[in-house]
Amino acid sequence: MQRQRISGHSPYEPVFGFSRALVAGDRVLVAGTAPVPPGGAQPPSGPYAQARLCLDLIGEALGQAGTSLEHVVRTRMYITDAGHWRQVARAHGEVFAAVRPAATAVIVAGLLDPAWLVEIEAEALLPAAEARA
């Protein structure tokens, strides 16, 4: 199976040895995406703004891979505080209201950077594969 690697702007990609996204067959797998703005700026404040940034970054990676958020079939949300779930859910719901992918939300003890309140990963189909399904 051929693989296409999609790089992002995260400074952690070369350190950990991962790609922002990977096209493998008819799927696009997007790595855990933290709220890391381009250019190394600080993440936005608040779980809603951070979740929206994560989803925007995921959308960019999917676009580079030849698909889009509308083709997402699965997401996983890692949230550092149970009190933040409603704001993260609101951001996720705004983006995926019509798509309704399978989704998991997990409360975690922490993420790599203490300023990160949420990290999101996604899996999407390539449009041609979805048409065959």
C-alpha atoms as a PDB file:
ATOM      1  CA  MET A   1       0.000   0.000   0.000  1.00  0.00           C
ATOM      2  CA  GLN A   2       1.342   3.387  -0.936  1.00  0.00           C
ATOM      3  CA  ARG A   3       1.450   6.133   1.655  1.00  0.00           C
ATOM      4  CA  GLN A   4       1.345   9.861   1.188  1.00  0.00           C
ATOM      5  CA  ARG A   5       2.657  11.890   4.093  1.00  0.00           C
ATOM      6  CA  ILE A   6       1.175  15.314   4.829  1.00  0.00           C
ATOM      7  CA  SER A   7       3.313  17.647   6.929  1.00  0.00           C
ATOM      8  CA  GLY A   8       2.008  20.475   9.052  1.00  0.00           C
ATOM      9  CA  HIS A   9       3.722  23.273  10.909  1.00  0.00           C
ATOM     10  CA  SER A  10       4.038  21.592  14.308  1.00  0.00           C
ATOM     11  CA  PRO A  11       7.562  21.723  15.708  1.00  0.00           C
ATOM     12  CA  TYR A  12       6.883  18.304  17.253  1.00  0.00           C
ATOM     13  CA  GLU A  13       6.608  16.423  13.930  1.00  0.00           C
ATOM     14  CA  PRO A  14      10.363  15.935  13.418  1.00  0.00           C
ATOM     15  CA  VAL A  15      11.009  15.385  17.128  1.00  0.00           C
ATOM     16  CA  PHE A  16       8.484  12.564  17.454  1.00  0.00           C
ATOM     17  CA  GLY A  17       8.854  11.395  13.844  1.00  0.00           C
ATOM     18  CA  PHE A  18       5.221  11.702  12.771  1.00  0.00           C
ATOM     19  CA  SER A  19       3.201  13.250   9.964  1.00  0.00           C
ATOM     20  CA  ARG A  20       0.256  15.603  10.474  1.00  0.00           C
ATOM     21  CA  ALA A  21      -1.715  13.253   8.258  1.00  0.00           C
ATOM     22  CA  LEU A  22      -1.161  10.076   6.314  1.00  0.00           C
ATOM     23  CA  VAL A  23      -3.065   8.893   3.260  1.00  0.00           C
ATOM     24  CA  ALA A  24      -3.160   5.095   3.328  1.00  0.00           C
ATOM     25  CA  GLY A  25      -5.353   3.446   0.731  1.00  0.00           C
ATOM     26  CA  ASP A  26      -8.777   5.076   0.804  1.00  0.00           C
ATOM     27  CA  ARG A  27      -8.293   6.622   4.269  1.00  0.00           C
ATOM     28  CA  VAL A  28      -6.716   9.758   5.622  1.00  0.00           C
ATOM     29  CA  LEU A  29      -5.517   9.481   9.193  1.00  0.00           C
ATOM     30  CA  VAL A  30      -4.894  12.800  10.946  1.00  0.00           C
ATOM     31  CA  ALA A  31      -2.607  12.663  13.962  1.00  0.00           C
ATOM     32  CA  GLY A  32      -3.553  14.107  17.312  1.00  0.00           C
ATOM     33  CA  THR A  33      -3.801  17.814  16.569  1.00  0.00           C
ATOM     34  CA  ALA A  34      -3.065  20.231  19.369  1.00  0.00           C
ATOM     35  CA  PRO A  35      -3.946  23.937  19.319  1.00  0.00           C
ATOM     36  CA  VAL A  36      -0.562  25.029  17.963  1.00  0.00           C
ATOM     37  CA  PRO A  37      -0.979  28.155  15.818  1.00  0.00           C
ATOM     38  CA  PRO A  38       1.251  28.586  12.773  1.00  0.00           C
ATOM     39  CA  GLY A  39       4.357  30.577  13.563  1.00  0.00           C
ATOM     40  CA  GLY A  40       4.709  29.299  17.110  1.00  0.00           C
ATOM     41  CA  ALA A  41       2.302  31.724  18.756  1.00  0.00           C
ATOM     42  CA  GLN A  42       0.626  30.807  22.026  1.00  0.00           C
ATOM     43  CA  PRO A  43      -2.582  28.746  21.751  1.00  0.00           C
ATOM     44  CA  PRO A  44      -5.839  30.660  22.004  1.00  0.00           C
ATOM     45  CA  SER A  45      -7.363  30.848  25.447  1.00  0.00           C
ATOM     46  CA  GLY A  46     -10.319  28.672  26.305  1.00  0.00           C
ATOM     47  CA  PRO A  47     -11.373  25.195  25.241  1.00  0.00           C
ATOM     48  CA  TYR A  48     -13.796  26.358  22.530  1.00  0.00           C
ATOM     49  CA  ALA A  49     -11.189  28.468  20.698  1.00  0.00           C
ATOM     50  CA  GLN A  50      -8.588  25.730  21.064  1.00  0.00           C
ATOM     51  CA  ALA A  51     -10.958  23.076  19.712  1.00  0.00           C
ATOM     52  CA  ARG A  52     -11.838  25.294  16.733  1.00  0.00           C
ATOM     53  CA  LEU A  53      -8.135  25.772  15.978  1.00  0.00           C
ATOM     54  CA  CYS A  54      -7.548  22.012  16.185  1.00  0.00           C
ATOM     55  CA  LEU A  55     -10.431  21.414  13.774  1.00  0.00           C
ATOM     56  CA  ASP A  56      -9.189  24.130  11.398  1.00  0.00           C
ATOM     57  CA  LEU A  57      -5.737  22.514  11.347  1.00  0.00           C
ATOM     58  CA  ILE A  58      -7.330  19.117  10.713  1.00  0.00           C
ATOM     59  CA  GLY A  59      -9.338  20.631   7.850  1.00  0.00           C
ATOM     60  CA  GLU A  60      -6.144  22.056   6.319  1.00  0.00           C
ATOM     61  CA  ALA A  61      -4.414  18.667   6.481  1.00  0.00           C
ATOM     62  CA  LEU A  62      -7.430  16.945   4.954  1.00  0.00           C
ATOM     63  CA  GLY A  63      -7.464  19.488   2.134  1.00  0.00           C
ATOM     64  CA  GLN A  64      -3.807  18.754   1.386  1.00  0.00           C
ATOM     65  CA  ALA A  65      -4.695  15.059   1.287  1.00  0.00           C
ATOM     66  CA  GLY A  66      -7.517  15.587  -1.211  1.00  0.00           C
ATOM     67  CA  THR A  67     -10.500  15.353   1.095  1.00  0.00           C
ATOM     68  CA  SER A  68     -12.324  17.580   3.591  1.00  0.00           C
ATOM     69  CA  LEU A  69     -14.075  17.719   6.940  1.00  0.00           C
ATOM     70  CA  GLU A  70     -17.297  16.542   5.309  1.00  0.00           C
ATOM     71  CA  HIS A  71     -15.642  13.156   4.672  1.00  0.00           C
ATOM     72  CA  VAL A  72     -14.589  12.577   8.303  1.00  0.00           C
ATOM     73  CA  VAL A  73     -15.848   9.269   9.681  1.00  0.00           C
ATOM     74  CA  ARG A  74     -14.195   9.280  13.123  1.00  0.00           C
ATOM     75  CA  THR A  75     -12.826  11.755  15.659  1.00  0.00           C
ATOM     76  CA  ARG A  76     -11.217  11.435  19.068  1.00  0.00           C
ATOM     77  CA  MET A  77     -11.075  14.338  21.493  1.00  0.00           C
ATOM     78  CA  TYR A  78      -8.683  14.422  24.421  1.00  0.00           C
ATOM     79  CA  ILE A  79      -9.808  17.011  26.980  1.00  0.00           C
ATOM     80  CA  THR A  80      -7.796  17.978  30.060  1.00  0.00           C
ATOM     81  CA  ASP A  81     -10.718  19.002  32.273  1.00  0.00           C
ATOM     82  CA  ALA A  82     -14.209  17.492  32.411  1.00  0.00           C
ATOM     83  CA  GLY A  83     -15.568  21.003  32.888  1.00  0.00           C
ATOM     84  CA  HIS A  84     -14.469  21.856  29.323  1.00  0.00           C
ATOM     85  CA  TRP A  85     -16.434  19.168  27.515  1.00  0.00           C
ATOM     86  CA  ARG A  86     -19.421  21.364  26.609  1.00  0.00           C
ATOM     87  CA  GLN A  87     -17.238  23.974  24.909  1.00  0.00           C
ATOM     88  CA  VAL A  88     -15.272  21.333  23.012  1.00  0.00           C
ATOM     89  CA  ALA A  89     -18.540  19.613  22.071  1.00  0.00           C
ATOM     90  CA  ARG A  90     -19.950  22.924  20.801  1.00  0.00           C
ATOM     91  CA  ALA A  91     -16.949  23.435  18.490  1.00  0.00           C
ATOM     92  CA  HIS A  92     -17.111  19.820  17.291  1.00  0.00           C
ATOM     93  CA  GLY A  93     -20.870  20.069  16.777  1.00  0.00           C
ATOM     94  CA  GLU A  94     -20.577  23.258  14.733  1.00  0.00           C
ATOM     95  CA  VAL A  95     -18.080  21.652  12.384  1.00  0.00           C
ATOM     96  CA  PHE A  96     -19.685  18.211  12.149  1.00  0.00           C
ATOM     97  CA  ALA A  97     -23.430  18.884  12.618  1.00  0.00           C
ATOM     98  CA  ALA A  98     -24.300  17.462   9.201  1.00  0.00           C
ATOM     99  CA  VAL A  99     -21.491  14.877   9.082  1.00  0.00           C
ATOM    100  CA  ARG A 100     -22.021  13.197  12.463  1.00  0.00           C
ATOM    101  CA  PRO A 101     -18.852  11.048  12.533  1.00  0.00           C
ATOM    102  CA  ALA A 102     -18.268   8.387  15.135  1.00  0.00           C
ATOM    103  CA  ALA A 103     -16.651  10.291  17.993  1.00  0.00           C
ATOM    104  CA  THR A 104     -14.973   9.661  21.311  1.00  0.00           C
ATOM    105  CA  ALA A 105     -14.203  12.184  24.045  1.00  0.00           C
ATOM    106  CA  VAL A 106     -11.766  11.223  26.774  1.00  0.00           C
ATOM    107  CA  ILE A 107     -10.746  13.194  29.837  1.00  0.00           C
ATOM    108  CA  VAL A 108      -6.968  13.001  30.244  1.00  0.00           C
ATOM    109  CA  ALA A 109      -4.606  14.033  33.020  1.00  0.00           C
ATOM    110  CA  GLY A 110      -2.707  16.356  30.710  1.00  0.00           C
ATOM    111  CA  LEU A 111      -1.249  16.973  27.284  1.00  0.00           C
ATOM    112  CA  LEU A 112       2.335  17.666  26.179  1.00  0.00           C
ATOM    113  CA  ASP A 113       2.025  21.428  26.761  1.00  0.00           C
ATOM    114  CA  PRO A 114       0.118  22.464  29.909  1.00  0.00           C
ATOM    115  CA  ALA A 115      -1.441  25.341  27.933  1.00  0.00           C
ATOM    116  CA  TRP A 116      -3.261  22.857  25.693  1.00  0.00           C
ATOM    117  CA  LEU A 117      -6.771  22.089  26.879  1.00  0.00           C
ATOM    118  CA  VAL A 118      -7.753  19.785  24.014  1.00  0.00           C
ATOM    119  CA  GLU A 119      -6.212  17.674  21.276  1.00  0.00           C
ATOM    120  CA  ILE A 120      -8.238  16.139  18.441  1.00  0.00           C
ATOM    121  CA  GLU A 121      -7.508  13.427  15.891  1.00  0.00           C
ATOM    122  CA  ALA A 122      -9.583  12.437  12.884  1.00  0.00           C
ATOM    123  CA  GLU A 123     -10.012   9.813  10.213  1.00  0.00           C
ATOM    124  CA  ALA A 124     -11.581  10.557   6.845  1.00  0.00           C
ATOM    125  CA  LEU A 125     -12.321   8.807   3.596  1.00  0.00           C
ATOM    126  CA  LEU A 126     -11.096  10.035   0.247  1.00  0.00           C
ATOM    127  CA  PRO A 127     -14.136  11.235  -1.756  1.00  0.00           C
ATOM    128  CA  ALA A 128     -13.808   8.478  -4.392  1.00  0.00           C
ATOM    129  CA  ALA A 129     -13.730   5.815  -1.664  1.00  0.00           C
ATOM    130  CA  GLU A 130     -16.779   7.291   0.037  1.00  0.00           C
ATOM    131  CA  ALA A 131     -18.712   7.187  -3.248  1.00  0.00           C
ATOM    132  CA  ARG A 132     -18.029   3.428  -3.472  1.00  0.00           C
ATOM    133  CA  ALA A 133     -19.175   2.802   0.105  1.00  0.00           C
END
